[in-house]
Amino acid sequence: MTDVIDGTELGPVGQEIVYENDRVRVWHIRLEPGERQPLHRHDHPYLVVAIEGAKNVVQTVDGTRIDADEPTGGVVYRDPGAVHMLTNVGDTTYLARLVELK
């Protein structure tokens, strides 16, 4: 079943699952400059580990824009429930692992 919010189909949290067991799911995320990840929802608490940092912007489902500069090597924890999309507004490739805690 595909999740839909306000008529918009939600995409996956990342481009590819690189590891999963009964406790965690690890996503690969790569965004080239100007590239956007589709609107998606986080159903689990998660960590984002920036392997190659970039200047990103988070846009929430209600239209709120949040600057999200992520330095290389940075780690961020986020609670579940967010519905947003991520855009790389910088001039470097963004590469991260997102670890969902089940």
N, C-alpha and C. Protein backbone atom coordinates (compact mmCIF):
# COMPACT_ATOMS: atom_id res chain seq x y z
N MET A 1 0.84 -1.19 0.00
CA MET A 1 0.00 0.00 0.00
C MET A 1 0.88 1.25 0.00
N THR A 2 0.60 2.19 -0.86
CA THR A 2 1.36 3.42 -0.97
C THR A 2 0.75 4.48 -0.06
N ASP A 3 1.61 5.19 0.67
CA ASP A 3 1.13 6.27 1.53
C ASP A 3 0.89 7.52 0.71
N VAL A 4 -0.23 8.21 1.00
CA VAL A 4 -0.60 9.43 0.30
C VAL A 4 -1.00 10.47 1.35
N ILE A 5 -0.54 11.69 1.18
CA ILE A 5 -0.94 12.81 2.04
C ILE A 5 -1.41 13.94 1.15
N ASP A 6 -2.62 14.40 1.39
CA ASP A 6 -3.22 15.50 0.61
C ASP A 6 -3.09 15.27 -0.89
N GLY A 7 -3.29 14.02 -1.32
CA GLY A 7 -3.24 13.69 -2.74
C GLY A 7 -1.84 13.48 -3.29
N THR A 8 -0.82 13.63 -2.46
CA THR A 8 0.57 13.45 -2.90
C THR A 8 1.09 12.11 -2.43
N GLU A 9 1.58 11.30 -3.36
CA GLU A 9 2.17 10.01 -3.00
C GLU A 9 3.52 10.23 -2.33
N LEU A 10 3.73 9.56 -1.21
CA LEU A 10 5.00 9.69 -0.49
C LEU A 10 6.04 8.74 -1.07
N GLY A 11 7.27 9.21 -1.11
CA GLY A 11 8.37 8.40 -1.59
C GLY A 11 9.06 7.70 -0.45
N PRO A 12 10.12 6.96 -0.76
CA PRO A 12 10.89 6.27 0.27
C PRO A 12 11.78 7.25 1.03
N VAL A 13 12.26 6.81 2.19
CA VAL A 13 13.14 7.63 3.04
C VAL A 13 14.49 7.89 2.36
N GLY A 14 14.98 6.93 1.60
CA GLY A 14 16.26 7.06 0.89
C GLY A 14 16.19 6.35 -0.44
N GLN A 15 17.31 6.29 -1.13
CA GLN A 15 17.33 5.65 -2.45
C GLN A 15 17.44 4.13 -2.37
N GLU A 16 18.11 3.63 -1.33
CA GLU A 16 18.36 2.19 -1.26
C GLU A 16 18.56 1.77 0.19
N ILE A 17 18.02 0.62 0.56
CA ILE A 17 18.29 0.06 1.88
C ILE A 17 19.58 -0.73 1.76
N VAL A 18 20.59 -0.36 2.57
CA VAL A 18 21.89 -1.04 2.50
C VAL A 18 22.08 -2.06 3.61
N TYR A 19 21.21 -2.00 4.63
CA TYR A 19 21.26 -2.99 5.71
C TYR A 19 19.94 -2.95 6.46
N GLU A 20 19.47 -4.13 6.88
CA GLU A 20 18.26 -4.16 7.69
C GLU A 20 18.24 -5.42 8.54
N ASN A 21 17.82 -5.25 9.80
CA ASN A 21 17.52 -6.39 10.66
C ASN A 21 16.30 -6.03 11.49
N ASP A 22 16.03 -6.76 12.56
CA ASP A 22 14.82 -6.50 13.33
C ASP A 22 14.91 -5.25 14.20
N ARG A 23 16.08 -4.61 14.28
CA ARG A 23 16.26 -3.42 15.13
C ARG A 23 16.54 -2.13 14.36
N VAL A 24 17.17 -2.24 13.19
CA VAL A 24 17.53 -1.04 12.42
C VAL A 24 17.30 -1.27 10.93
N ARG A 25 17.14 -0.16 10.21
CA ARG A 25 17.13 -0.15 8.75
C ARG A 25 18.05 0.99 8.35
N VAL A 26 19.02 0.73 7.47
CA VAL A 26 19.98 1.74 7.06
C VAL A 26 19.76 2.07 5.59
N TRP A 27 19.52 3.35 5.33
CA TRP A 27 19.28 3.85 3.97
C TRP A 27 20.50 4.57 3.43
N HIS A 28 20.73 4.44 2.15
CA HIS A 28 21.73 5.22 1.41
C HIS A 28 21.00 6.43 0.82
N ILE A 29 21.58 7.60 1.02
CA ILE A 29 21.03 8.83 0.44
C ILE A 29 22.15 9.57 -0.28
N ARG A 30 21.89 9.92 -1.52
CA ARG A 30 22.85 10.69 -2.32
C ARG A 30 22.05 11.72 -3.11
N LEU A 31 22.42 12.99 -2.93
CA LEU A 31 21.78 14.07 -3.68
C LEU A 31 22.86 14.93 -4.33
N GLU A 32 22.77 15.04 -5.63
CA GLU A 32 23.67 15.95 -6.36
C GLU A 32 23.19 17.39 -6.13
N PRO A 33 24.04 18.38 -6.38
CA PRO A 33 23.61 19.77 -6.23
C PRO A 33 22.31 20.02 -7.01
N GLY A 34 21.33 20.60 -6.33
CA GLY A 34 20.04 20.89 -6.96
C GLY A 34 19.05 19.74 -6.93
N GLU A 35 19.49 18.56 -6.55
CA GLU A 35 18.61 17.39 -6.55
C GLU A 35 17.75 17.37 -5.28
N ARG A 36 16.54 16.84 -5.42
CA ARG A 36 15.57 16.80 -4.32
C ARG A 36 15.13 15.37 -4.06
N GLN A 37 15.06 15.03 -2.80
CA GLN A 37 14.47 13.77 -2.37
C GLN A 37 12.96 13.98 -2.30
N PRO A 38 12.15 13.00 -2.72
CA PRO A 38 10.70 13.21 -2.73
C PRO A 38 10.12 13.35 -1.32
N LEU A 39 8.92 13.87 -1.26
CA LEU A 39 8.19 13.97 0.00
C LEU A 39 8.08 12.57 0.59
N HIS A 40 8.44 12.46 1.88
CA HIS A 40 8.44 11.16 2.55
C HIS A 40 8.14 11.35 4.04
N ARG A 41 7.80 10.24 4.70
CA ARG A 41 7.47 10.30 6.13
C ARG A 41 8.44 9.40 6.91
N HIS A 42 8.81 9.87 8.09
CA HIS A 42 9.65 9.09 8.99
C HIS A 42 8.78 8.47 10.07
N ASP A 43 8.60 7.16 10.00
CA ASP A 43 7.76 6.44 10.96
C ASP A 43 8.55 5.96 12.18
N HIS A 44 9.88 6.07 12.13
CA HIS A 44 10.75 5.61 13.22
C HIS A 44 11.70 6.73 13.61
N PRO A 45 12.18 6.75 14.87
CA PRO A 45 13.28 7.67 15.20
C PRO A 45 14.49 7.30 14.34
N TYR A 46 15.35 8.29 14.06
CA TYR A 46 16.45 7.99 13.15
C TYR A 46 17.66 8.89 13.39
N LEU A 47 18.80 8.41 12.92
CA LEU A 47 20.06 9.15 12.90
C LEU A 47 20.44 9.38 11.46
N VAL A 48 20.98 10.56 11.17
CA VAL A 48 21.55 10.84 9.86
C VAL A 48 23.05 11.05 10.05
N VAL A 49 23.84 10.28 9.31
CA VAL A 49 25.29 10.39 9.35
C VAL A 49 25.75 10.94 8.00
N ALA A 50 26.28 12.15 8.00
CA ALA A 50 26.72 12.78 6.75
C ALA A 50 28.12 12.28 6.39
N ILE A 51 28.20 11.49 5.35
CA ILE A 51 29.49 10.99 4.87
C ILE A 51 30.18 12.07 4.05
N GLU A 52 29.43 12.75 3.20
CA GLU A 52 29.89 13.94 2.47
C GLU A 52 28.83 15.00 2.71
N GLY A 53 29.17 15.99 3.48
CA GLY A 53 28.20 17.02 3.86
C GLY A 53 27.85 17.95 2.71
N ALA A 54 26.74 18.67 2.91
CA ALA A 54 26.27 19.64 1.92
C ALA A 54 25.34 20.64 2.60
N LYS A 55 25.00 21.66 1.85
CA LYS A 55 24.03 22.66 2.30
C LYS A 55 22.66 22.19 1.82
N ASN A 56 21.81 21.79 2.76
CA ASN A 56 20.50 21.25 2.42
C ASN A 56 19.38 22.12 2.97
N VAL A 57 18.21 21.94 2.41
CA VAL A 57 17.00 22.60 2.89
C VAL A 57 15.94 21.52 3.05
N VAL A 58 15.28 21.54 4.21
CA VAL A 58 14.15 20.66 4.48
C VAL A 58 12.89 21.48 4.27
N GLN A 59 11.95 20.95 3.50
CA GLN A 59 10.65 21.60 3.35
C GLN A 59 9.60 20.63 3.87
N THR A 60 8.87 21.08 4.91
CA THR A 60 7.88 20.21 5.54
C THR A 60 6.61 20.20 4.71
N VAL A 61 5.74 19.26 5.03
CA VAL A 61 4.49 19.09 4.30
C VAL A 61 3.61 20.33 4.41
N ASP A 62 3.77 21.11 5.49
CA ASP A 62 2.97 22.33 5.64
C ASP A 62 3.64 23.56 5.03
N GLY A 63 4.79 23.35 4.34
CA GLY A 63 5.44 24.44 3.63
C GLY A 63 6.55 25.14 4.39
N THR A 64 6.82 24.73 5.62
CA THR A 64 7.91 25.33 6.39
C THR A 64 9.25 24.96 5.77
N ARG A 65 10.13 25.95 5.64
CA ARG A 65 11.46 25.74 5.08
C ARG A 65 12.49 25.84 6.20
N ILE A 66 13.35 24.82 6.31
CA ILE A 66 14.35 24.76 7.38
C ILE A 66 15.72 24.57 6.74
N ASP A 67 16.65 25.51 7.00
CA ASP A 67 18.03 25.32 6.53
C ASP A 67 18.65 24.18 7.32
N ALA A 68 19.28 23.26 6.62
CA ALA A 68 19.85 22.07 7.26
C ALA A 68 21.24 21.82 6.73
N ASP A 69 22.18 22.70 7.08
CA ASP A 69 23.57 22.47 6.70
C ASP A 69 24.07 21.24 7.43
N GLU A 70 24.62 20.30 6.70
CA GLU A 70 25.10 19.06 7.29
C GLU A 70 26.58 18.91 6.97
N PRO A 71 27.45 19.15 7.95
CA PRO A 71 28.88 19.04 7.69
C PRO A 71 29.32 17.59 7.56
N THR A 72 30.36 17.36 6.80
CA THR A 72 30.93 16.03 6.66
C THR A 72 31.27 15.48 8.04
N GLY A 73 30.82 14.26 8.31
CA GLY A 73 31.07 13.62 9.60
C GLY A 73 30.03 13.94 10.66
N GLY A 74 29.12 14.85 10.36
CA GLY A 74 28.09 15.23 11.33
C GLY A 74 27.07 14.12 11.53
N VAL A 75 26.51 14.08 12.74
CA VAL A 75 25.46 13.11 13.07
C VAL A 75 24.31 13.87 13.72
N VAL A 76 23.09 13.58 13.27
CA VAL A 76 21.90 14.26 13.79
C VAL A 76 20.87 13.19 14.17
N TYR A 77 20.24 13.36 15.33
CA TYR A 77 19.14 12.49 15.75
C TYR A 77 17.83 13.23 15.52
N ARG A 78 16.82 12.50 15.02
CA ARG A 78 15.50 13.10 14.82
C ARG A 78 14.41 12.14 15.31
N ASP A 79 13.38 12.71 15.91
CA ASP A 79 12.22 11.94 16.34
C ASP A 79 11.36 11.56 15.14
N PRO A 80 10.53 10.52 15.28
CA PRO A 80 9.66 10.11 14.17
C PRO A 80 8.53 11.10 13.95
N GLY A 81 7.85 10.94 12.82
CA GLY A 81 6.66 11.71 12.53
C GLY A 81 6.82 12.78 11.47
N ALA A 82 8.05 13.14 11.14
CA ALA A 82 8.26 14.20 10.15
C ALA A 82 7.81 13.76 8.76
N VAL A 83 7.15 14.68 8.05
CA VAL A 83 6.82 14.49 6.64
C VAL A 83 7.45 15.67 5.91
N HIS A 84 8.43 15.40 5.08
CA HIS A 84 9.17 16.48 4.43
C HIS A 84 9.89 15.98 3.19
N MET A 85 10.52 16.92 2.49
CA MET A 85 11.44 16.58 1.41
C MET A 85 12.74 17.32 1.67
N LEU A 86 13.82 16.78 1.12
CA LEU A 86 15.16 17.34 1.33
C LEU A 86 15.73 17.74 -0.02
N THR A 87 16.28 18.96 -0.09
CA THR A 87 16.89 19.45 -1.32
C THR A 87 18.32 19.87 -1.04
N ASN A 88 19.24 19.44 -1.88
CA ASN A 88 20.63 19.87 -1.80
C ASN A 88 20.73 21.19 -2.55
N VAL A 89 20.84 22.30 -1.80
CA VAL A 89 20.92 23.63 -2.41
C VAL A 89 22.36 24.12 -2.53
N GLY A 90 23.29 23.27 -2.14
CA GLY A 90 24.70 23.64 -2.23
C GLY A 90 25.31 23.28 -3.56
N ASP A 91 26.64 23.32 -3.60
CA ASP A 91 27.35 23.01 -4.85
C ASP A 91 28.22 21.76 -4.72
N THR A 92 27.97 20.95 -3.68
CA THR A 92 28.69 19.70 -3.49
C THR A 92 27.68 18.54 -3.39
N THR A 93 28.14 17.35 -3.71
CA THR A 93 27.29 16.15 -3.58
C THR A 93 27.07 15.85 -2.11
N TYR A 94 25.83 15.51 -1.76
CA TYR A 94 25.48 15.10 -0.40
C TYR A 94 25.38 13.59 -0.37
N LEU A 95 26.09 12.97 0.57
CA LEU A 95 26.08 11.52 0.71
C LEU A 95 25.89 11.22 2.19
N ALA A 96 24.89 10.41 2.53
CA ALA A 96 24.60 10.12 3.93
C ALA A 96 24.07 8.70 4.09
N ARG A 97 24.11 8.26 5.34
CA ARG A 97 23.43 7.04 5.77
C ARG A 97 22.40 7.48 6.80
N LEU A 98 21.17 7.03 6.60
CA LEU A 98 20.09 7.31 7.54
C LEU A 98 19.76 6.00 8.23
N VAL A 99 19.87 6.00 9.55
CA VAL A 99 19.67 4.79 10.34
C VAL A 99 18.35 4.90 11.10
N GLU A 100 17.35 4.13 10.67
CA GLU A 100 16.07 4.09 11.36
C GLU A 100 16.16 3.11 12.51
N LEU A 101 15.67 3.52 13.69
CA LEU A 101 15.67 2.66 14.87
C LEU A 101 14.28 2.09 15.02
N LYS A 102 14.13 0.79 14.82
CA LYS A 102 12.80 0.16 14.84
C LYS A 102 12.32 -0.08 16.26
